Amino acid sequence: MARAGAVLAEVHEVLADAVAPGVTTAELDALAAAEIAARGAQPSFLARRPTIGNTPSRSPRRAPESSPPAPPKPTPSPTSSSPPRPDPGVDHEVGG
């Protein structure tokens, strides 16, 4: 695990330097694969599916189609069973 983490950190540094306007994700994928292979490791990200273009996609922004809708939020009851809160601007001492 330590060796894999070290390889990943090194490759991330190379990729961070390569990111620029006009550089495609396909070019970054190829660079990452080459850098990983140059360090004696195998890129596992190239075999993942589903993909968008050449890049693996696991977007957390969209729920699966089969997810049930969220339950509605409870609305406060028009008649509350708890006593009203005292007004902080009024002296509520009894007697005196």
Protein backbone atom coordinates (compact mmCIF):
# COMPACT_ATOMS: atom_id res chain seq x y z
CA MET A 1 0.00 0.00 0.00
CA ALA A 2 2.83 2.41 0.84
CA ARG A 3 4.50 1.82 -2.53
CA ALA A 4 1.21 2.31 -4.40
CA GLY A 5 0.58 5.52 -2.47
CA ALA A 6 4.05 6.82 -3.31
CA VAL A 7 3.54 6.06 -7.02
CA LEU A 8 0.15 7.78 -6.93
CA ALA A 9 1.61 10.89 -5.26
CA GLU A 10 4.39 11.12 -7.85
CA VAL A 11 1.96 10.70 -10.75
CA HIS A 12 -0.39 13.32 -9.28
CA GLU A 13 2.49 15.81 -9.23
CA VAL A 14 3.29 15.12 -12.90
CA LEU A 15 -0.39 15.44 -13.84
CA ALA A 16 -0.81 18.68 -11.88
CA ASP A 17 2.03 20.19 -13.90
CA ALA A 18 0.46 18.96 -17.17
CA VAL A 19 -3.03 20.37 -16.58
CA ALA A 20 -3.55 23.46 -18.73
CA PRO A 21 -6.18 24.95 -21.02
CA GLY A 22 -6.48 22.84 -24.14
CA VAL A 23 -5.08 19.64 -22.61
CA THR A 24 -7.70 16.91 -22.97
CA THR A 25 -8.61 14.27 -20.43
CA ALA A 26 -7.51 11.67 -22.98
CA GLU A 27 -4.03 13.23 -23.00
CA LEU A 28 -3.97 13.27 -19.20
CA ASP A 29 -5.10 9.62 -19.12
CA ALA A 30 -2.28 8.66 -21.51
CA LEU A 31 0.27 10.62 -19.47
CA ALA A 32 -0.91 9.02 -16.24
CA ALA A 33 -0.75 5.52 -17.75
CA ALA A 34 2.78 6.15 -19.05
CA GLU A 35 3.98 7.59 -15.73
CA ILE A 36 2.47 4.69 -13.78
CA ALA A 37 4.06 2.13 -16.13
CA ALA A 38 7.42 3.94 -15.91
CA ARG A 39 7.31 3.34 -12.16
CA GLY A 40 6.74 -0.40 -12.60
CA ALA A 41 3.03 -0.36 -11.78
CA GLN A 42 -0.12 -1.08 -13.78
CA PRO A 43 -2.83 1.54 -14.31
CA SER A 44 -6.14 0.14 -13.13
CA PHE A 45 -8.26 3.17 -14.06
CA LEU A 46 -8.19 2.38 -17.78
CA ALA A 47 -10.34 -0.74 -17.34
CA ARG A 48 -13.18 0.90 -15.36
CA ARG A 49 -16.64 1.42 -16.78
CA PRO A 50 -18.88 3.35 -17.32
CA THR A 51 -16.99 6.07 -19.12
CA ILE A 52 -17.67 9.45 -20.59
CA GLY A 53 -15.29 9.84 -23.49
CA ASN A 54 -12.07 8.27 -22.27
CA THR A 55 -12.40 9.14 -18.61
CA PRO A 56 -14.07 6.98 -15.95
CA SER A 57 -17.22 8.53 -14.59
CA ARG A 58 -18.63 8.05 -11.10
CA SER A 59 -20.54 11.26 -10.64
CA PRO A 60 -22.09 11.66 -7.17
CA ARG A 61 -24.33 14.47 -8.44
CA ARG A 62 -27.08 12.25 -9.76
CA ALA A 63 -29.03 9.66 -7.82
CA PRO A 64 -29.75 6.30 -9.46
CA GLU A 65 -32.99 6.16 -11.41
CA SER A 66 -34.37 3.52 -9.03
CA SER A 67 -33.97 5.63 -5.88
CA PRO A 68 -37.24 6.31 -4.08
CA PRO A 69 -38.16 9.95 -3.58
CA ALA A 70 -37.14 11.55 -0.32
CA PRO A 71 -39.89 11.69 2.30
CA PRO A 72 -41.51 15.09 2.75
CA LYS A 73 -40.22 17.28 5.56
CA PRO A 74 -42.60 17.53 8.54
CA THR A 75 -44.49 20.78 8.85
CA PRO A 76 -45.10 22.37 12.23
CA SER A 77 -48.51 21.79 13.70
CA PRO A 78 -50.76 24.88 13.90
CA THR A 79 -51.54 23.98 17.51
CA SER A 80 -48.46 23.21 19.53
CA SER A 81 -48.58 21.08 22.68
CA SER A 82 -45.56 22.83 24.22
CA PRO A 83 -46.09 26.00 26.29
CA PRO A 84 -45.22 29.31 24.64
CA ARG A 85 -41.75 30.67 25.26
CA PRO A 86 -41.56 33.76 27.47
CA ASP A 87 -40.79 37.07 25.82
CA PRO A 88 -37.15 37.91 26.68
CA GLY A 89 -37.97 41.64 26.76
CA VAL A 90 -40.55 41.32 29.57
CA ASP A 91 -39.85 40.90 33.28
CA HIS A 92 -41.59 37.64 34.20
CA GLU A 93 -40.86 37.63 37.94
CA VAL A 94 -43.88 36.99 40.11
CA GLY A 95 -44.30 39.12 43.22
CA GLY A 96 -41.97 41.73 44.28
